[in-house]
Amino acid sequence: MRNSNEISFEIIKRIGIIERHPSGWSKEVNLVSWNGGPAKYDIRDWSDNHEHMSRGVTLTEQELARVMNHVLEKTPEMRRIMENEKYKMQKDIER
């Protein structure tokens, strides 16, 4: 029987690094299954070896879509910011 305080997780898919911290940790968005449940989008800080994590937020596909729609509807300049970040990411890949 599993201790009720134990948390198990499996990173199903690494989607992207949002920010790298000088400590070696990074804020990431991943698809994660927690305690054997269905995989959800997950945003949190992870240690470099992914053995330790901070508190974060998990979202279903529908919840993530709603968040993205709210941000894009209420913040028109976000599309420009997103395009700029996409351009920066492509340049980093080319290096």
N, C-alpha and C. Protein backbone atom coordinates (compact mmCIF):
# COMPACT_ATOMS: atom_id res chain seq x y z
N MET A 1 0.85 -1.18 0.00
CA MET A 1 0.00 0.00 0.00
C MET A 1 0.90 1.25 0.00
N ARG A 2 0.57 2.20 -0.80
CA ARG A 2 1.35 3.42 -0.93
C ARG A 2 1.02 4.38 0.20
N ASN A 3 2.05 5.01 0.74
CA ASN A 3 1.87 6.05 1.75
C ASN A 3 1.09 7.19 1.11
N SER A 4 0.08 7.71 1.82
CA SER A 4 -0.76 8.77 1.23
C SER A 4 0.01 10.05 0.97
N ASN A 5 1.20 10.21 1.57
CA ASN A 5 2.03 11.39 1.34
C ASN A 5 2.93 11.25 0.12
N GLU A 6 3.08 10.03 -0.39
CA GLU A 6 3.95 9.80 -1.54
C GLU A 6 3.27 10.27 -2.82
N ILE A 7 4.04 10.91 -3.66
CA ILE A 7 3.55 11.38 -4.95
C ILE A 7 4.37 10.70 -6.02
N SER A 8 3.70 10.08 -6.97
CA SER A 8 4.41 9.49 -8.11
C SER A 8 4.09 10.32 -9.35
N PHE A 9 5.04 10.38 -10.25
CA PHE A 9 4.81 11.13 -11.47
C PHE A 9 5.61 10.50 -12.61
N GLU A 10 5.13 10.73 -13.81
CA GLU A 10 5.84 10.33 -15.01
C GLU A 10 5.71 11.47 -16.01
N ILE A 11 6.84 11.99 -16.45
CA ILE A 11 6.81 13.02 -17.49
C ILE A 11 6.60 12.29 -18.81
N ILE A 12 5.42 12.45 -19.36
CA ILE A 12 5.05 11.76 -20.60
C ILE A 12 5.71 12.43 -21.79
N LYS A 13 5.71 13.77 -21.78
CA LYS A 13 6.30 14.53 -22.89
C LYS A 13 6.85 15.84 -22.36
N ARG A 14 8.09 16.13 -22.68
CA ARG A 14 8.68 17.42 -22.34
C ARG A 14 8.33 18.39 -23.47
N ILE A 15 7.60 19.42 -23.14
CA ILE A 15 7.12 20.35 -24.16
C ILE A 15 8.08 21.52 -24.34
N GLY A 16 8.52 22.12 -23.25
CA GLY A 16 9.45 23.23 -23.41
C GLY A 16 9.90 23.83 -22.11
N ILE A 17 11.06 24.50 -22.18
CA ILE A 17 11.60 25.22 -21.04
C ILE A 17 11.19 26.68 -21.17
N ILE A 18 10.56 27.20 -20.14
CA ILE A 18 10.10 28.58 -20.13
C ILE A 18 11.25 29.49 -19.69
N GLU A 19 11.99 29.04 -18.67
CA GLU A 19 13.09 29.85 -18.15
C GLU A 19 14.09 28.94 -17.44
N ARG A 20 15.37 29.24 -17.62
CA ARG A 20 16.43 28.53 -16.88
C ARG A 20 16.91 29.44 -15.76
N HIS A 21 17.02 28.89 -14.56
CA HIS A 21 17.47 29.65 -13.41
C HIS A 21 18.96 29.39 -13.16
N PRO A 22 19.67 30.36 -12.60
CA PRO A 22 21.10 30.17 -12.30
C PRO A 22 21.35 28.97 -11.38
N SER A 23 20.36 28.60 -10.60
CA SER A 23 20.50 27.48 -9.66
C SER A 23 20.57 26.13 -10.35
N GLY A 24 20.28 26.12 -11.66
CA GLY A 24 20.23 24.84 -12.39
C GLY A 24 18.81 24.34 -12.58
N TRP A 25 17.87 24.91 -11.84
CA TRP A 25 16.47 24.54 -12.00
C TRP A 25 15.92 25.26 -13.23
N SER A 26 14.81 24.76 -13.75
CA SER A 26 14.17 25.41 -14.89
C SER A 26 12.65 25.33 -14.76
N LYS A 27 12.01 26.41 -15.19
CA LYS A 27 10.54 26.44 -15.25
C LYS A 27 10.17 25.81 -16.59
N GLU A 28 9.34 24.76 -16.53
CA GLU A 28 9.02 23.98 -17.72
C GLU A 28 7.52 23.78 -17.88
N VAL A 29 7.14 23.52 -19.10
CA VAL A 29 5.79 23.05 -19.38
C VAL A 29 5.96 21.64 -19.95
N ASN A 30 5.28 20.69 -19.32
CA ASN A 30 5.37 19.28 -19.70
C ASN A 30 3.99 18.64 -19.64
N LEU A 31 3.90 17.47 -20.21
CA LEU A 31 2.71 16.64 -20.07
C LEU A 31 3.08 15.59 -19.02
N VAL A 32 2.38 15.62 -17.87
CA VAL A 32 2.77 14.78 -16.73
C VAL A 32 1.58 13.98 -16.21
N SER A 33 1.84 12.73 -15.90
CA SER A 33 0.86 11.88 -15.23
C SER A 33 1.22 11.86 -13.75
N TRP A 34 0.29 12.27 -12.91
CA TRP A 34 0.50 12.29 -11.46
C TRP A 34 -0.25 11.13 -10.83
N ASN A 35 0.44 10.35 -10.00
CA ASN A 35 -0.16 9.23 -9.27
C ASN A 35 -0.93 8.28 -10.19
N GLY A 36 -0.39 8.07 -11.38
CA GLY A 36 -0.99 7.12 -12.32
C GLY A 36 -2.22 7.64 -13.04
N GLY A 37 -2.57 8.90 -12.84
CA GLY A 37 -3.75 9.48 -13.48
C GLY A 37 -3.49 9.89 -14.91
N PRO A 38 -4.52 10.41 -15.57
CA PRO A 38 -4.34 10.87 -16.95
C PRO A 38 -3.34 12.02 -17.01
N ALA A 39 -2.56 12.07 -18.08
CA ALA A 39 -1.56 13.13 -18.25
C ALA A 39 -2.25 14.48 -18.40
N LYS A 40 -1.64 15.49 -17.76
CA LYS A 40 -2.14 16.86 -17.84
C LYS A 40 -0.98 17.79 -18.14
N TYR A 41 -1.30 18.95 -18.68
CA TYR A 41 -0.28 19.98 -18.89
C TYR A 41 0.15 20.48 -17.52
N ASP A 42 1.44 20.65 -17.36
CA ASP A 42 1.99 20.94 -16.04
C ASP A 42 3.04 22.03 -16.18
N ILE A 43 2.92 23.08 -15.36
CA ILE A 43 3.89 24.18 -15.36
C ILE A 43 4.45 24.28 -13.95
N ARG A 44 5.79 24.11 -13.83
CA ARG A 44 6.45 24.21 -12.53
C ARG A 44 7.95 24.23 -12.75
N ASP A 45 8.69 24.53 -11.67
CA ASP A 45 10.15 24.48 -11.68
C ASP A 45 10.59 23.05 -11.37
N TRP A 46 11.63 22.61 -12.09
CA TRP A 46 12.20 21.28 -11.90
C TRP A 46 13.70 21.39 -11.68
N SER A 47 14.24 20.49 -10.87
CA SER A 47 15.70 20.40 -10.73
C SER A 47 16.25 19.87 -12.04
N ASP A 48 17.56 20.01 -12.23
CA ASP A 48 18.14 19.61 -13.51
C ASP A 48 17.98 18.13 -13.80
N ASN A 49 17.89 17.29 -12.78
CA ASN A 49 17.73 15.85 -13.00
C ASN A 49 16.26 15.40 -12.91
N HIS A 50 15.35 16.33 -12.71
CA HIS A 50 13.91 16.07 -12.61
C HIS A 50 13.53 15.15 -11.45
N GLU A 51 14.37 15.13 -10.41
CA GLU A 51 14.03 14.36 -9.21
C GLU A 51 13.27 15.22 -8.20
N HIS A 52 13.41 16.53 -8.29
CA HIS A 52 12.75 17.45 -7.36
C HIS A 52 11.98 18.50 -8.16
N MET A 53 10.87 18.94 -7.58
CA MET A 53 10.06 19.95 -8.25
C MET A 53 9.46 20.90 -7.24
N SER A 54 9.06 22.08 -7.75
CA SER A 54 8.37 23.06 -6.91
C SER A 54 6.86 22.81 -7.03
N ARG A 55 6.10 23.60 -6.31
CA ARG A 55 4.66 23.58 -6.52
C ARG A 55 4.40 24.15 -7.90
N GLY A 56 3.34 23.71 -8.52
CA GLY A 56 3.04 24.18 -9.86
C GLY A 56 1.55 24.14 -10.12
N VAL A 57 1.22 24.18 -11.38
CA VAL A 57 -0.18 24.12 -11.79
C VAL A 57 -0.33 23.05 -12.86
N THR A 58 -1.41 22.28 -12.77
CA THR A 58 -1.72 21.28 -13.79
C THR A 58 -3.04 21.65 -14.44
N LEU A 59 -3.11 21.46 -15.74
CA LEU A 59 -4.30 21.84 -16.50
C LEU A 59 -4.64 20.75 -17.51
N THR A 60 -5.92 20.48 -17.67
CA THR A 60 -6.36 19.59 -18.75
C THR A 60 -6.22 20.35 -20.07
N GLU A 61 -6.38 19.66 -21.19
CA GLU A 61 -6.32 20.33 -22.49
C GLU A 61 -7.35 21.46 -22.57
N GLN A 62 -8.56 21.19 -22.09
CA GLN A 62 -9.63 22.19 -22.14
C GLN A 62 -9.29 23.40 -21.27
N GLU A 63 -8.75 23.15 -20.08
CA GLU A 63 -8.39 24.26 -19.19
C GLU A 63 -7.27 25.11 -19.79
N LEU A 64 -6.27 24.45 -20.38
CA LEU A 64 -5.18 25.19 -21.01
C LEU A 64 -5.70 26.03 -22.17
N ALA A 65 -6.59 25.47 -22.97
CA ALA A 65 -7.18 26.21 -24.09
C ALA A 65 -7.94 27.43 -23.59
N ARG A 66 -8.68 27.28 -22.49
CA ARG A 66 -9.43 28.41 -21.92
C ARG A 66 -8.48 29.50 -21.44
N VAL A 67 -7.40 29.11 -20.75
CA VAL A 67 -6.42 30.09 -20.28
C VAL A 67 -5.84 30.85 -21.47
N MET A 68 -5.44 30.12 -22.50
CA MET A 68 -4.85 30.76 -23.67
C MET A 68 -5.85 31.71 -24.34
N ASN A 69 -7.09 31.30 -24.45
CA ASN A 69 -8.12 32.16 -25.05
C ASN A 69 -8.34 33.42 -24.22
N HIS A 70 -8.40 33.28 -22.91
CA HIS A 70 -8.58 34.46 -22.05
C HIS A 70 -7.43 35.44 -22.23
N VAL A 71 -6.21 34.92 -22.22
CA VAL A 71 -5.04 35.80 -22.34
C VAL A 71 -5.05 36.49 -23.70
N LEU A 72 -5.32 35.75 -24.76
CA LEU A 72 -5.30 36.34 -26.10
C LEU A 72 -6.43 37.34 -26.30
N GLU A 73 -7.59 37.08 -25.71
CA GLU A 73 -8.73 38.01 -25.84
C GLU A 73 -8.49 39.30 -25.06
N LYS A 74 -7.96 39.18 -23.88
CA LYS A 74 -7.85 40.33 -22.99
C LYS A 74 -6.53 41.09 -23.10
N THR A 75 -5.58 40.50 -23.81
CA THR A 75 -4.27 41.11 -23.94
C THR A 75 -3.85 41.07 -25.40
N PRO A 76 -4.33 42.02 -26.20
CA PRO A 76 -4.05 41.99 -27.64
C PRO A 76 -2.55 41.97 -27.99
N GLU A 77 -1.72 42.62 -27.19
CA GLU A 77 -0.28 42.65 -27.51
C GLU A 77 0.39 41.30 -27.29
N MET A 78 -0.32 40.35 -26.69
CA MET A 78 0.26 39.04 -26.43
C MET A 78 0.62 38.30 -27.72
N ARG A 79 -0.16 38.47 -28.77
CA ARG A 79 0.16 37.81 -30.05
C ARG A 79 1.52 38.27 -30.56
N ARG A 80 1.81 39.57 -30.45
CA ARG A 80 3.09 40.11 -30.89
C ARG A 80 4.22 39.53 -30.03
N ILE A 81 3.99 39.49 -28.73
CA ILE A 81 5.00 38.94 -27.81
C ILE A 81 5.26 37.47 -28.14
N MET A 82 4.20 36.72 -28.41
CA MET A 82 4.34 35.30 -28.73
C MET A 82 5.14 35.11 -30.02
N GLU A 83 4.87 35.91 -31.02
CA GLU A 83 5.60 35.81 -32.29
C GLU A 83 7.07 36.14 -32.08
N ASN A 84 7.36 37.16 -31.26
CA ASN A 84 8.74 37.54 -30.97
C ASN A 84 9.47 36.40 -30.26
N GLU A 85 8.82 35.76 -29.29
CA GLU A 85 9.44 34.64 -28.57
C GLU A 85 9.66 33.44 -29.49
N LYS A 86 8.71 33.21 -30.39
CA LYS A 86 8.85 32.11 -31.35
C LYS A 86 10.06 32.35 -32.24
N TYR A 87 10.24 33.59 -32.68
CA TYR A 87 11.39 33.96 -33.51
C TYR A 87 12.69 33.73 -32.75
N LYS A 88 12.73 34.14 -31.47
CA LYS A 88 13.93 33.95 -30.65
C LYS A 88 14.26 32.46 -30.49
N MET A 89 13.23 31.64 -30.29
CA MET A 89 13.44 30.21 -30.11
C MET A 89 14.02 29.60 -31.38
N GLN A 90 13.50 30.01 -32.54
CA GLN A 90 14.01 29.48 -33.81
C GLN A 90 15.46 29.87 -34.01
N LYS A 91 15.82 31.09 -33.64
CA LYS A 91 17.22 31.54 -33.75
C LYS A 91 18.13 30.72 -32.84
N ASP A 92 17.64 30.43 -31.61
CA ASP A 92 18.43 29.62 -30.67
C ASP A 92 18.66 28.21 -31.22
N ILE A 93 17.67 27.65 -31.88
CA ILE A 93 17.78 26.30 -32.45
C ILE A 93 18.81 26.30 -33.57
N GLU A 94 18.84 27.37 -34.36
CA GLU A 94 19.77 27.46 -35.49
C GLU A 94 21.22 27.58 -35.04
N ARG A 95 21.46 28.02 -33.82
CA ARG A 95 22.84 28.18 -33.32
C ARG A 95 23.49 26.90 -32.95
